[in-house]
Amino acid sequence: SEPRAERAAELVERYDITSADAETAVTGANVIVLAVKPHHVAEVAEQI
């Protein structure tokens, strides 16, 4: 889940993975990695 569309598309093409909004991306996931800036962590945790 990456808000910059161009960057998300780059990762999808490079690694053959999927891209989605945060709520969709975490649905069904066994492991969720929060790789955002520290001041965004609480906000993202609440979002998902």
ModelCIF file with pLDDT and N, C-alpha, C, O atoms, coordinates in Angstrom:
data_MODEL
#
_entry.id   MODEL 
#
_entity.id                         1 
_entity.type                       polymer 
_entity.pdbx_number_of_molecules   1 
#
_entity_poly.entity_id                      1 
_entity_poly.type                           'polypeptide(L)' 
_entity_poly.nstd_linkage                   no 
_entity_poly.nstd_monomer                   no 
_entity_poly.pdbx_seq_one_letter_code       SEPRAERAAELVERYDITSADAETAVTGANVIVLAVKPHHVAEVAEQI 
_entity_poly.pdbx_seq_one_letter_code_can   SEPRAERAAELVERYDITSADAETAVTGANVIVLAVKPHHVAEVAEQI 
_entity_poly.pdbx_strand_id                 A 
#
loop_
_entity_poly_seq.entity_id 
_entity_poly_seq.num 
_entity_poly_seq.mon_id 
_entity_poly_seq.hetero 
1 1  SER n 
1 2  GLU n 
1 3  PRO n 
1 4  ARG n 
1 5  ALA n 
1 6  GLU n 
1 7  ARG n 
1 8  ALA n 
1 9  ALA n 
1 10 GLU n 
1 11 LEU n 
1 12 VAL n 
1 13 GLU n 
1 14 ARG n 
1 15 TYR n 
1 16 ASP n 
1 17 ILE n 
1 18 THR n 
1 19 SER n 
1 20 ALA n 
1 21 ASP n 
1 22 ALA n 
1 23 GLU n 
1 24 THR n 
1 25 ALA n 
1 26 VAL n 
1 27 THR n 
1 28 GLY n 
1 29 ALA n 
1 30 ASN n 
1 31 VAL n 
1 32 ILE n 
1 33 VAL n 
1 34 LEU n 
1 35 ALA n 
1 36 VAL n 
1 37 LYS n 
1 38 PRO n 
1 39 HIS n 
1 40 HIS n 
1 41 VAL n 
1 42 ALA n 
1 43 GLU n 
1 44 VAL n 
1 45 ALA n 
1 46 GLU n 
1 47 GLN n 
1 48 ILE n 
#
_struct_asym.id          A 
_struct_asym.entity_id   1 
#
loop_
_ma_qa_metric.id 
_ma_qa_metric.mode 
_ma_qa_metric.name 
_ma_qa_metric.software_group_id 
_ma_qa_metric.type 
1 global pLDDT . pLDDT 
2 local  pLDDT . pLDDT 
#
_ma_qa_metric_global.metric_id      1 
_ma_qa_metric_global.metric_value   95.65 
_ma_qa_metric_global.model_id       1 
_ma_qa_metric_global.ordinal_id     1 
#
loop_
_ma_qa_metric_local.label_asym_id 
_ma_qa_metric_local.label_comp_id 
_ma_qa_metric_local.label_seq_id 
_ma_qa_metric_local.metric_id 
_ma_qa_metric_local.metric_value 
_ma_qa_metric_local.model_id 
_ma_qa_metric_local.ordinal_id 
A SER 1  2 97.00 1 1  
A GLU 2  2 96.00 1 2  
A PRO 3  2 94.00 1 3  
A ARG 4  2 96.00 1 4  
A ALA 5  2 95.00 1 5  
A GLU 6  2 96.00 1 6  
A ARG 7  2 97.00 1 7  
A ALA 8  2 96.00 1 8  
A ALA 9  2 97.00 1 9  
A GLU 10 2 97.00 1 10 
A LEU 11 2 97.00 1 11 
A VAL 12 2 97.00 1 12 
A GLU 13 2 97.00 1 13 
A ARG 14 2 96.00 1 14 
A TYR 15 2 96.00 1 15 
A ASP 16 2 96.00 1 16 
A ILE 17 2 97.00 1 17 
A THR 18 2 96.00 1 18 
A SER 19 2 97.00 1 19 
A ALA 20 2 96.00 1 20 
A ASP 21 2 96.00 1 21 
A ALA 22 2 96.00 1 22 
A GLU 23 2 96.00 1 23 
A THR 24 2 96.00 1 24 
A ALA 25 2 96.00 1 25 
A VAL 26 2 96.00 1 26 
A THR 27 2 96.00 1 27 
A GLY 28 2 95.00 1 28 
A ALA 29 2 96.00 1 29 
A ASN 30 2 95.00 1 30 
A VAL 31 2 97.00 1 31 
A ILE 32 2 98.00 1 32 
A VAL 33 2 98.00 1 33 
A LEU 34 2 97.00 1 34 
A ALA 35 2 96.00 1 35 
A VAL 36 2 96.00 1 36 
A LYS 37 2 93.00 1 37 
A PRO 38 2 91.00 1 38 
A HIS 39 2 90.00 1 39 
A HIS 40 2 93.00 1 40 
A VAL 41 2 94.00 1 41 
A ALA 42 2 92.00 1 42 
A GLU 43 2 94.00 1 43 
A VAL 44 2 96.00 1 44 
A ALA 45 2 95.00 1 45 
A GLU 46 2 95.00 1 46 
A GLN 47 2 95.00 1 47 
A ILE 48 2 97.00 1 48 
#
loop_
_atom_site.group_PDB 
_atom_site.id 
_atom_site.type_symbol 
_atom_site.label_atom_id 
_atom_site.label_alt_id 
_atom_site.label_comp_id 
_atom_site.label_asym_id 
_atom_site.label_entity_id 
_atom_site.label_seq_id 
_atom_site.pdbx_PDB_ins_code 
_atom_site.Cartn_x 
_atom_site.Cartn_y 
_atom_site.Cartn_z 
_atom_site.occupancy 
_atom_site.B_iso_or_equiv 
_atom_site.pdbx_formal_charge 
_atom_site.auth_seq_id 
_atom_site.auth_comp_id 
_atom_site.auth_asym_id 
_atom_site.auth_atom_id 
_atom_site.pdbx_PDB_model_num 
ATOM 1   N N  . SER A 1 1  ? 0.870  -1.178  0.000   1.00 97.00 ? 1  SER A N  1 
ATOM 2   C CA . SER A 1 1  ? 0.000  0.000   0.000   1.00 97.00 ? 1  SER A CA 1 
ATOM 3   C C  . SER A 1 1  ? 0.903  1.222   0.000   1.00 97.00 ? 1  SER A C  1 
ATOM 4   O O  . SER A 1 1  ? 1.596  1.498   0.979   1.00 97.00 ? 1  SER A O  1 
ATOM 5   N N  . GLU A 1 2  ? 0.885  1.944   -1.102  1.00 96.00 ? 2  GLU A N  1 
ATOM 6   C CA . GLU A 1 2  ? 1.753  3.103   -1.297  1.00 96.00 ? 2  GLU A CA 1 
ATOM 7   C C  . GLU A 1 2  ? 0.925  4.210   -1.949  1.00 96.00 ? 2  GLU A C  1 
ATOM 8   O O  . GLU A 1 2  ? 0.411  4.025   -3.052  1.00 96.00 ? 2  GLU A O  1 
ATOM 9   N N  . PRO A 1 3  ? 0.790  5.375   -1.270  1.00 94.00 ? 3  PRO A N  1 
ATOM 10  C CA . PRO A 1 3  ? -0.083 6.444   -1.784  1.00 94.00 ? 3  PRO A CA 1 
ATOM 11  C C  . PRO A 1 3  ? 0.373  7.069   -3.093  1.00 94.00 ? 3  PRO A C  1 
ATOM 12  O O  . PRO A 1 3  ? -0.444 7.626   -3.826  1.00 94.00 ? 3  PRO A O  1 
ATOM 13  N N  . ARG A 1 4  ? 1.657  6.987   -3.398  1.00 96.00 ? 4  ARG A N  1 
ATOM 14  C CA . ARG A 1 4  ? 2.157  7.544   -4.659  1.00 96.00 ? 4  ARG A CA 1 
ATOM 15  C C  . ARG A 1 4  ? 1.936  6.519   -5.764  1.00 96.00 ? 4  ARG A C  1 
ATOM 16  O O  . ARG A 1 4  ? 2.606  5.487   -5.801  1.00 96.00 ? 4  ARG A O  1 
ATOM 17  N N  . ALA A 1 5  ? 1.007  6.801   -6.657  1.00 95.00 ? 5  ALA A N  1 
ATOM 18  C CA . ALA A 1 5  ? 0.607  5.838   -7.678  1.00 95.00 ? 5  ALA A CA 1 
ATOM 19  C C  . ALA A 1 5  ? 1.775  5.386   -8.551  1.00 95.00 ? 5  ALA A C  1 
ATOM 20  O O  . ALA A 1 5  ? 1.896  4.205   -8.875  1.00 95.00 ? 5  ALA A O  1 
ATOM 21  N N  . GLU A 1 6  ? 2.625  6.326   -8.925  1.00 96.00 ? 6  GLU A N  1 
ATOM 22  C CA . GLU A 1 6  ? 3.761  5.980   -9.780  1.00 96.00 ? 6  GLU A CA 1 
ATOM 23  C C  . GLU A 1 6  ? 4.721  5.034   -9.070  1.00 96.00 ? 6  GLU A C  1 
ATOM 24  O O  . GLU A 1 6  ? 5.236  4.090   -9.670  1.00 96.00 ? 6  GLU A O  1 
ATOM 25  N N  . ARG A 1 7  ? 4.956  5.295   -7.791  1.00 97.00 ? 7  ARG A N  1 
ATOM 26  C CA . ARG A 1 7  ? 5.848  4.434   -7.008  1.00 97.00 ? 7  ARG A CA 1 
ATOM 27  C C  . ARG A 1 7  ? 5.220  3.054   -6.813  1.00 97.00 ? 7  ARG A C  1 
ATOM 28  O O  . ARG A 1 7  ? 5.910  2.041   -6.923  1.00 97.00 ? 7  ARG A O  1 
ATOM 29  N N  . ALA A 1 8  ? 3.920  3.005   -6.525  1.00 96.00 ? 8  ALA A N  1 
ATOM 30  C CA . ALA A 1 8  ? 3.238  1.725   -6.359  1.00 96.00 ? 8  ALA A CA 1 
ATOM 31  C C  . ALA A 1 8  ? 3.343  0.890   -7.630  1.00 96.00 ? 8  ALA A C  1 
ATOM 32  O O  . ALA A 1 8  ? 3.620  -0.308  -7.564  1.00 96.00 ? 8  ALA A O  1 
ATOM 33  N N  . ALA A 1 9  ? 3.123  1.516   -8.792  1.00 97.00 ? 9  ALA A N  1 
ATOM 34  C CA . ALA A 1 9  ? 3.205  0.809   -10.070 1.00 97.00 ? 9  ALA A CA 1 
ATOM 35  C C  . ALA A 1 9  ? 4.613  0.277   -10.312 1.00 97.00 ? 9  ALA A C  1 
ATOM 36  O O  . ALA A 1 9  ? 4.787  -0.815  -10.853 1.00 97.00 ? 9  ALA A O  1 
ATOM 37  N N  . GLU A 1 10 ? 5.609  1.048   -9.911  1.00 97.00 ? 10 GLU A N  1 
ATOM 38  C CA . GLU A 1 10 ? 7.006  0.631   -10.064 1.00 97.00 ? 10 GLU A CA 1 
ATOM 39  C C  . GLU A 1 10 ? 7.286  -0.635  -9.258  1.00 97.00 ? 10 GLU A C  1 
ATOM 40  O O  . GLU A 1 10 ? 7.928  -1.560  -9.755  1.00 97.00 ? 10 GLU A O  1 
ATOM 41  N N  . LEU A 1 11 ? 6.802  -0.676  -8.009  1.00 97.00 ? 11 LEU A N  1 
ATOM 42  C CA . LEU A 1 11 ? 7.024  -1.842  -7.152  1.00 97.00 ? 11 LEU A CA 1 
ATOM 43  C C  . LEU A 1 11 ? 6.273  -3.062  -7.675  1.00 97.00 ? 11 LEU A C  1 
ATOM 44  O O  . LEU A 1 11 ? 6.793  -4.177  -7.636  1.00 97.00 ? 11 LEU A O  1 
ATOM 45  N N  . VAL A 1 12 ? 5.067  -2.856  -8.159  1.00 97.00 ? 12 VAL A N  1 
ATOM 46  C CA . VAL A 1 12 ? 4.279  -3.958  -8.705  1.00 97.00 ? 12 VAL A CA 1 
ATOM 47  C C  . VAL A 1 12 ? 4.995  -4.588  -9.897  1.00 97.00 ? 12 VAL A C  1 
ATOM 48  O O  . VAL A 1 12 ? 5.081  -5.812  -9.999  1.00 97.00 ? 12 VAL A O  1 
ATOM 49  N N  . GLU A 1 13 ? 5.503  -3.757  -10.790 1.00 97.00 ? 13 GLU A N  1 
ATOM 50  C CA . GLU A 1 13 ? 6.193  -4.261  -11.975 1.00 97.00 ? 13 GLU A CA 1 
ATOM 51  C C  . GLU A 1 13 ? 7.515  -4.919  -11.623 1.00 97.00 ? 13 GLU A C  1 
ATOM 52  O O  . GLU A 1 13 ? 7.870  -5.950  -12.194 1.00 97.00 ? 13 GLU A O  1 
ATOM 53  N N  . ARG A 1 14 ? 8.245  -4.329  -10.686 1.00 96.00 ? 14 ARG A N  1 
ATOM 54  C CA . ARG A 1 14 ? 9.584  -4.825  -10.359 1.00 96.00 ? 14 ARG A CA 1 
ATOM 55  C C  . ARG A 1 14 ? 9.551  -6.152  -9.625  1.00 96.00 ? 14 ARG A C  1 
ATOM 56  O O  . ARG A 1 14 ? 10.406 -7.008  -9.853  1.00 96.00 ? 14 ARG A O  1 
ATOM 57  N N  . TYR A 1 15 ? 8.562  -6.337  -8.736  1.00 96.00 ? 15 TYR A N  1 
ATOM 58  C CA . TYR A 1 15 ? 8.563  -7.513  -7.869  1.00 96.00 ? 15 TYR A CA 1 
ATOM 59  C C  . TYR A 1 15 ? 7.380  -8.450  -8.095  1.00 96.00 ? 15 TYR A C  1 
ATOM 60  O O  . TYR A 1 15 ? 7.244  -9.450  -7.389  1.00 96.00 ? 15 TYR A O  1 
ATOM 61  N N  . ASP A 1 16 ? 6.529  -8.145  -9.060  1.00 96.00 ? 16 ASP A N  1 
ATOM 62  C CA . ASP A 1 16 ? 5.374  -8.987  -9.355  1.00 96.00 ? 16 ASP A CA 1 
ATOM 63  C C  . ASP A 1 16 ? 4.515  -9.191  -8.101  1.00 96.00 ? 16 ASP A C  1 
ATOM 64  O O  . ASP A 1 16 ? 4.199  -10.318 -7.719  1.00 96.00 ? 16 ASP A O  1 
ATOM 65  N N  . ILE A 1 17 ? 4.150  -8.077  -7.476  1.00 97.00 ? 17 ILE A N  1 
ATOM 66  C CA . ILE A 1 17 ? 3.288  -8.098  -6.296  1.00 97.00 ? 17 ILE A CA 1 
ATOM 67  C C  . ILE A 1 17 ? 2.012  -7.333  -6.619  1.00 97.00 ? 17 ILE A C  1 
ATOM 68  O O  . ILE A 1 17 ? 1.846  -6.835  -7.732  1.00 97.00 ? 17 ILE A O  1 
ATOM 69  N N  . THR A 1 18 ? 1.112  -7.242  -5.644  1.00 96.00 ? 18 THR A N  1 
ATOM 70  C CA . THR A 1 18 ? -0.121 -6.497  -5.852  1.00 96.00 ? 18 THR A CA 1 
ATOM 71  C C  . THR A 1 18 ? -0.084 -5.184  -5.086  1.00 96.00 ? 18 THR A C  1 
ATOM 72  O O  . THR A 1 18 ? 0.716  -5.006  -4.168  1.00 96.00 ? 18 THR A O  1 
ATOM 73  N N  . SER A 1 19 ? -0.958 -4.273  -5.475  1.00 97.00 ? 19 SER A N  1 
ATOM 74  C CA . SER A 1 19 ? -1.054 -2.971  -4.822  1.00 97.00 ? 19 SER A CA 1 
ATOM 75  C C  . SER A 1 19 ? -2.506 -2.686  -4.484  1.00 97.00 ? 19 SER A C  1 
ATOM 76  O O  . SER A 1 19 ? -3.407 -2.998  -5.261  1.00 97.00 ? 19 SER A O  1 
ATOM 77  N N  . ALA A 1 20 ? -2.726 -2.091  -3.317  1.00 96.00 ? 20 ALA A N  1 
ATOM 78  C CA . ALA A 1 20 ? -4.094 -1.780  -2.895  1.00 96.00 ? 20 ALA A CA 1 
ATOM 79  C C  . ALA A 1 20 ? -4.044 -0.707  -1.822  1.00 96.00 ? 20 ALA A C  1 
ATOM 80  O O  . ALA A 1 20 ? -2.973 -0.373  -1.316  1.00 96.00 ? 20 ALA A O  1 
ATOM 81  N N  . ASP A 1 21 ? -5.206 -0.168  -1.478  1.00 96.00 ? 21 ASP A N  1 
ATOM 82  C CA . ASP A 1 21 ? -5.261 0.755   -0.353  1.00 96.00 ? 21 ASP A CA 1 
ATOM 83  C C  . ASP A 1 21 ? -4.963 -0.034  0.923   1.00 96.00 ? 21 ASP A C  1 
ATOM 84  O O  . ASP A 1 21 ? -5.001 -1.265  0.921   1.00 96.00 ? 21 ASP A O  1 
ATOM 85  N N  . ALA A 1 22 ? -4.670 0.673   1.998   1.00 96.00 ? 22 ALA A N  1 
ATOM 86  C CA . ALA A 1 22 ? -4.193 0.016   3.216   1.00 96.00 ? 22 ALA A CA 1 
ATOM 87  C C  . ALA A 1 22 ? -5.168 -1.017  3.761   1.00 96.00 ? 22 ALA A C  1 
ATOM 88  O O  . ALA A 1 22 ? -4.770 -2.129  4.110   1.00 96.00 ? 22 ALA A O  1 
ATOM 89  N N  . GLU A 1 23 ? -6.454 -0.649  3.833   1.00 96.00 ? 23 GLU A N  1 
ATOM 90  C CA . GLU A 1 23 ? -7.444 -1.572  4.396   1.00 96.00 ? 23 GLU A CA 1 
ATOM 91  C C  . GLU A 1 23 ? -7.546 -2.844  3.572   1.00 96.00 ? 23 GLU A C  1 
ATOM 92  O O  . GLU A 1 23 ? -7.637 -3.940  4.126   1.00 96.00 ? 23 GLU A O  1 
ATOM 93  N N  . THR A 1 24 ? -7.532 -2.706  2.244   1.00 96.00 ? 24 THR A N  1 
ATOM 94  C CA . THR A 1 24 ? -7.616 -3.881  1.374   1.00 96.00 ? 24 THR A CA 1 
ATOM 95  C C  . THR A 1 24 ? -6.333 -4.703  1.442   1.00 96.00 ? 24 THR A C  1 
ATOM 96  O O  . THR A 1 24 ? -6.381 -5.933  1.464   1.00 96.00 ? 24 THR A O  1 
ATOM 97  N N  . ALA A 1 25 ? -5.195 -4.029  1.475   1.00 96.00 ? 25 ALA A N  1 
ATOM 98  C CA . ALA A 1 25 ? -3.904 -4.727  1.477   1.00 96.00 ? 25 ALA A CA 1 
ATOM 99  C C  . ALA A 1 25 ? -3.737 -5.615  2.707   1.00 96.00 ? 25 ALA A C  1 
ATOM 100 O O  . ALA A 1 25 ? -3.156 -6.696  2.615   1.00 96.00 ? 25 ALA A O  1 
ATOM 101 N N  . VAL A 1 26 ? -4.235 -5.172  3.848   1.00 96.00 ? 26 VAL A N  1 
ATOM 102 C CA . VAL A 1 26 ? -4.024 -5.946  5.074   1.00 96.00 ? 26 VAL A CA 1 
ATOM 103 C C  . VAL A 1 26 ? -5.054 -7.048  5.270   1.00 96.00 ? 26 VAL A C  1 
ATOM 104 O O  . VAL A 1 26 ? -4.859 -7.933  6.103   1.00 96.00 ? 26 VAL A O  1 
ATOM 105 N N  . THR A 1 27 ? -6.145 -7.008  4.519   1.00 96.00 ? 27 THR A N  1 
ATOM 106 C CA . THR A 1 27 ? -7.196 -8.010  4.682   1.00 96.00 ? 27 THR A CA 1 
ATOM 107 C C  . THR A 1 27 ? -6.653 -9.397  4.371   1.00 96.00 ? 27 THR A C  1 
ATOM 108 O O  . THR A 1 27 ? -6.179 -9.658  3.265   1.00 96.00 ? 27 THR A O  1 
ATOM 109 N N  . GLY A 1 28 ? -6.729 -10.275 5.350   1.00 95.00 ? 28 GLY A N  1 
ATOM 110 C CA . GLY A 1 28 ? -6.255 -11.643 5.176   1.00 95.00 ? 28 GLY A CA 1 
ATOM 111 C C  . GLY A 1 28 ? -4.764 -11.832 5.353   1.00 95.00 ? 28 GLY A C  1 
ATOM 112 O O  . GLY A 1 28 ? -4.273 -12.956 5.256   1.00 95.00 ? 28 GLY A O  1 
ATOM 113 N N  . ALA A 1 29 ? -4.025 -10.754 5.610   1.00 96.00 ? 29 ALA A N  1 
ATOM 114 C CA . ALA A 1 29 ? -2.572 -10.870 5.739   1.00 96.00 ? 29 ALA A CA 1 
ATOM 115 C C  . ALA A 1 29 ? -2.166 -11.493 7.064   1.00 96.00 ? 29 ALA A C  1 
ATOM 116 O O  . ALA A 1 29 ? -2.729 -11.173 8.111   1.00 96.00 ? 29 ALA A O  1 
ATOM 117 N N  . ASN A 1 30 ? -1.174 -12.395 7.011   1.00 95.00 ? 30 ASN A N  1 
ATOM 118 C CA . ASN A 1 30 ? -0.615 -12.977 8.241   1.00 95.00 ? 30 ASN A CA 1 
ATOM 119 C C  . ASN A 1 30 ? 0.360  -12.018 8.910   1.00 95.00 ? 30 ASN A C  1 
ATOM 120 O O  . ASN A 1 30 ? 0.444  -11.946 10.136  1.00 95.00 ? 30 ASN A O  1 
ATOM 121 N N  . VAL A 1 31 ? 1.104  -11.273 8.069   1.00 97.00 ? 31 VAL A N  1 
ATOM 122 C CA . VAL A 1 31 ? 2.110  -10.335 8.555   1.00 97.00 ? 31 VAL A CA 1 
ATOM 123 C C  . VAL A 1 31 ? 1.874  -8.987  7.901   1.00 97.00 ? 31 VAL A C  1 
ATOM 124 O O  . VAL A 1 31 ? 1.728  -8.895  6.682   1.00 97.00 ? 31 VAL A O  1 
ATOM 125 N N  . ILE A 1 32 ? 1.838  -7.940  8.718   1.00 98.00 ? 32 ILE A N  1 
ATOM 126 C CA . ILE A 1 32 ? 1.635  -6.578  8.224   1.00 98.00 ? 32 ILE A CA 1 
ATOM 127 C C  . ILE A 1 32 ? 2.827  -5.748  8.677   1.00 98.00 ? 32 ILE A C  1 
ATOM 128 O O  . ILE A 1 32 ? 3.125  -5.674  9.869   1.00 98.00 ? 32 ILE A O  1 
ATOM 129 N N  . VAL A 1 33 ? 3.504  -5.125  7.723   1.00 98.00 ? 33 VAL A N  1 
ATOM 130 C CA . VAL A 1 33 ? 4.683  -4.321  8.038   1.00 98.00 ? 33 VAL A CA 1 
ATOM 131 C C  . VAL A 1 33 ? 4.337  -2.846  7.879   1.00 98.00 ? 33 VAL A C  1 
ATOM 132 O O  . VAL A 1 33 ? 3.874  -2.417  6.823   1.00 98.00 ? 33 VAL A O  1 
ATOM 133 N N  . LEU A 1 34 ? 4.563  -2.085  8.927   1.00 97.00 ? 34 LEU A N  1 
ATOM 134 C CA . LEU A 1 34 ? 4.355  -0.638  8.879   1.00 97.00 ? 34 LEU A CA 1 
ATOM 135 C C  . LEU A 1 34 ? 5.705  0.011   8.585   1.00 97.00 ? 34 LEU A C  1 
ATOM 136 O O  . LEU A 1 34 ? 6.547  0.171   9.469   1.00 97.00 ? 34 LEU A O  1 
ATOM 137 N N  . ALA A 1 35 ? 5.887  0.380   7.311   1.00 96.00 ? 35 ALA A N  1 
ATOM 138 C CA . ALA A 1 35 ? 7.146  0.979   6.869   1.00 96.00 ? 35 ALA A CA 1 
ATOM 139 C C  . ALA A 1 35 ? 6.900  2.426   6.470   1.00 96.00 ? 35 ALA A C  1 
ATOM 140 O O  . ALA A 1 35 ? 7.314  2.873   5.400   1.00 96.00 ? 35 ALA A O  1 
ATOM 141 N N  . VAL A 1 36 ? 6.215  3.153   7.357   1.00 96.00 ? 36 VAL A N  1 
ATOM 142 C CA . VAL A 1 36 ? 5.891  4.554   7.117   1.00 96.00 ? 36 VAL A CA 1 
ATOM 143 C C  . VAL A 1 36 ? 6.694  5.417   8.087   1.00 96.00 ? 36 VAL A C  1 
ATOM 144 O O  . VAL A 1 36 ? 7.358  4.903   8.988   1.00 96.00 ? 36 VAL A O  1 
ATOM 145 N N  . LYS A 1 37 ? 6.627  6.727   7.894   1.00 93.00 ? 37 LYS A N  1 
ATOM 146 C CA . LYS A 1 37 ? 7.311  7.647   8.801   1.00 93.00 ? 37 LYS A CA 1 
ATOM 147 C C  . LYS A 1 37 ? 6.734  7.512   10.215  1.00 93.00 ? 37 LYS A C  1 
ATOM 148 O O  . LYS A 1 37 ? 5.540  7.265   10.383  1.00 93.00 ? 37 LYS A O  1 
ATOM 149 N N  . PRO A 1 38 ? 7.591  7.676   11.230  1.00 91.00 ? 38 PRO A N  1 
ATOM 150 C CA . PRO A 1 38 ? 7.124  7.482   12.609  1.00 91.00 ? 38 PRO A CA 1 
ATOM 151 C C  . PRO A 1 38 ? 5.857  8.252   12.957  1.00 91.00 ? 38 PRO A C  1 
ATOM 152 O O  . PRO A 1 38 ? 5.001  7.725   13.668  1.00 91.00 ? 38 PRO A O  1 
ATOM 153 N N  . HIS A 1 39 ? 5.712  9.497   12.471  1.00 90.00 ? 39 HIS A N  1 
ATOM 154 C CA . HIS A 1 39 ? 4.540  10.284  12.846  1.00 90.00 ? 39 HIS A CA 1 
ATOM 155 C C  . HIS A 1 39 ? 3.271  9.825   12.143  1.00 90.00 ? 39 HIS A C  1 
ATOM 156 O O  . HIS A 1 39 ? 2.188  10.335  12.429  1.00 90.00 ? 39 HIS A O  1 
ATOM 157 N N  . HIS A 1 40 ? 3.389  8.864   11.222  1.00 93.00 ? 40 HIS A N  1 
ATOM 158 C CA . HIS A 1 40 ? 2.214  8.314   10.544  1.00 93.00 ? 40 HIS A CA 1 
ATOM 159 C C  . HIS A 1 40 ? 1.776  6.968   11.115  1.00 93.00 ? 40 HIS A C  1 
ATOM 160 O O  . HIS A 1 40 ? 0.702  6.479   10.767  1.00 93.00 ? 40 HIS A O  1 
ATOM 161 N N  . VAL A 1 41 ? 2.579  6.362   11.982  1.00 94.00 ? 41 VAL A N  1 
ATOM 162 C CA . VAL A 1 41 ? 2.307  5.001   12.440  1.00 94.00 ? 41 VAL A CA 1 
ATOM 163 C C  . VAL A 1 41 ? 0.971  4.895   13.168  1.00 94.00 ? 41 VAL A C  1 
ATOM 164 O O  . VAL A 1 41 ? 0.169  4.015   12.855  1.00 94.00 ? 41 VAL A O  1 
ATOM 165 N N  . ALA A 1 42 ? 0.719  5.775   14.134  1.00 92.00 ? 42 ALA A N  1 
ATOM 166 C CA . ALA A 1 42 ? -0.531 5.707   14.898  1.00 92.00 ? 42 ALA A CA 1 
ATOM 167 C C  . ALA A 1 42 ? -1.736 5.879   13.976  1.00 92.00 ? 42 ALA A C  1 
ATOM 168 O O  . ALA A 1 42 ? -2.735 5.172   14.112  1.00 92.00 ? 42 ALA A O  1 
ATOM 169 N N  . GLU A 1 43 ? -1.636 6.808   13.052  1.00 94.00 ? 43 GLU A N  1 
ATOM 170 C CA . GLU A 1 43 ? -2.728 7.056   12.106  1.00 94.00 ? 43 GLU A CA 1 
ATOM 171 C C  . GLU A 1 43 ? -3.004 5.826   11.244  1.00 94.00 ? 43 GLU A C  1 
ATOM 172 O O  . GLU A 1 43 ? -4.159 5.453   11.041  1.00 94.00 ? 43 GLU A O  1 
ATOM 173 N N  . VAL A 1 44 ? -1.943 5.200   10.738  1.00 96.00 ? 44 VAL A N  1 
ATOM 174 C CA . VAL A 1 44 ? -2.102 4.013   9.895   1.00 96.00 ? 44 VAL A CA 1 
ATOM 175 C C  . VAL A 1 44 ? -2.659 2.850   10.707  1.00 96.00 ? 44 VAL A C  1 
ATOM 176 O O  . VAL A 1 44 ? -3.512 2.106   10.221  1.00 96.00 ? 44 VAL A O  1 
ATOM 177 N N  . ALA A 1 45 ? -2.181 2.689   11.944  1.00 95.00 ? 45 ALA A N  1 
ATOM 178 C CA . ALA A 1 45 ? -2.691 1.615   12.799  1.00 95.00 ? 45 ALA A CA 1 
ATOM 179 C C  . ALA A 1 45 ? -4.191 1.759   13.015  1.00 95.00 ? 45 ALA A C  1 
ATOM 180 O O  . ALA A 1 45 ? -4.926 0.773   12.966  1.00 95.00 ? 45 ALA A O  1 
ATOM 181 N N  . GLU A 1 46 ? -4.640 2.971   13.251  1.00 95.00 ? 46 GLU A N  1 
ATOM 182 C CA . GLU A 1 46 ? -6.078 3.208   13.418  1.00 95.00 ? 46 GLU A CA 1 
ATOM 183 C C  . GLU A 1 46 ? -6.836 2.931   12.120  1.00 95.00 ? 46 GLU A C  1 
ATOM 184 O O  . GLU A 1 46 ? -7.951 2.411   12.141  1.00 95.00 ? 46 GLU A O  1 
ATOM 185 N N  . GLN A 1 47 ? -6.223 3.282   11.001  1.00 95.00 ? 47 GLN A N  1 
ATOM 186 C CA . GLN A 1 47 ? -6.858 3.111   9.695   1.00 95.00 ? 47 GLN A CA 1 
ATOM 187 C C  . GLN A 1 47 ? -7.105 1.640   9.371   1.00 95.00 ? 47 GLN A C  1 
ATOM 188 O O  . GLN A 1 47 ? -8.145 1.291   8.812   1.00 95.00 ? 47 GLN A O  1 
ATOM 189 N N  . ILE A 1 48 ? -6.153 0.782   9.722   1.00 97.00 ? 48 ILE A N  1 
ATOM 190 C CA . ILE A 1 48 ? -6.270 -0.633  9.361   1.00 97.00 ? 48 ILE A CA 1 
ATOM 191 C C  . ILE A 1 48 ? -6.878 -1.492  10.463  1.00 97.00 ? 48 ILE A C  1 
ATOM 192 O O  . ILE A 1 48 ? -7.033 -2.700  10.289  1.00 97.00 ? 48 ILE A O  1 
#
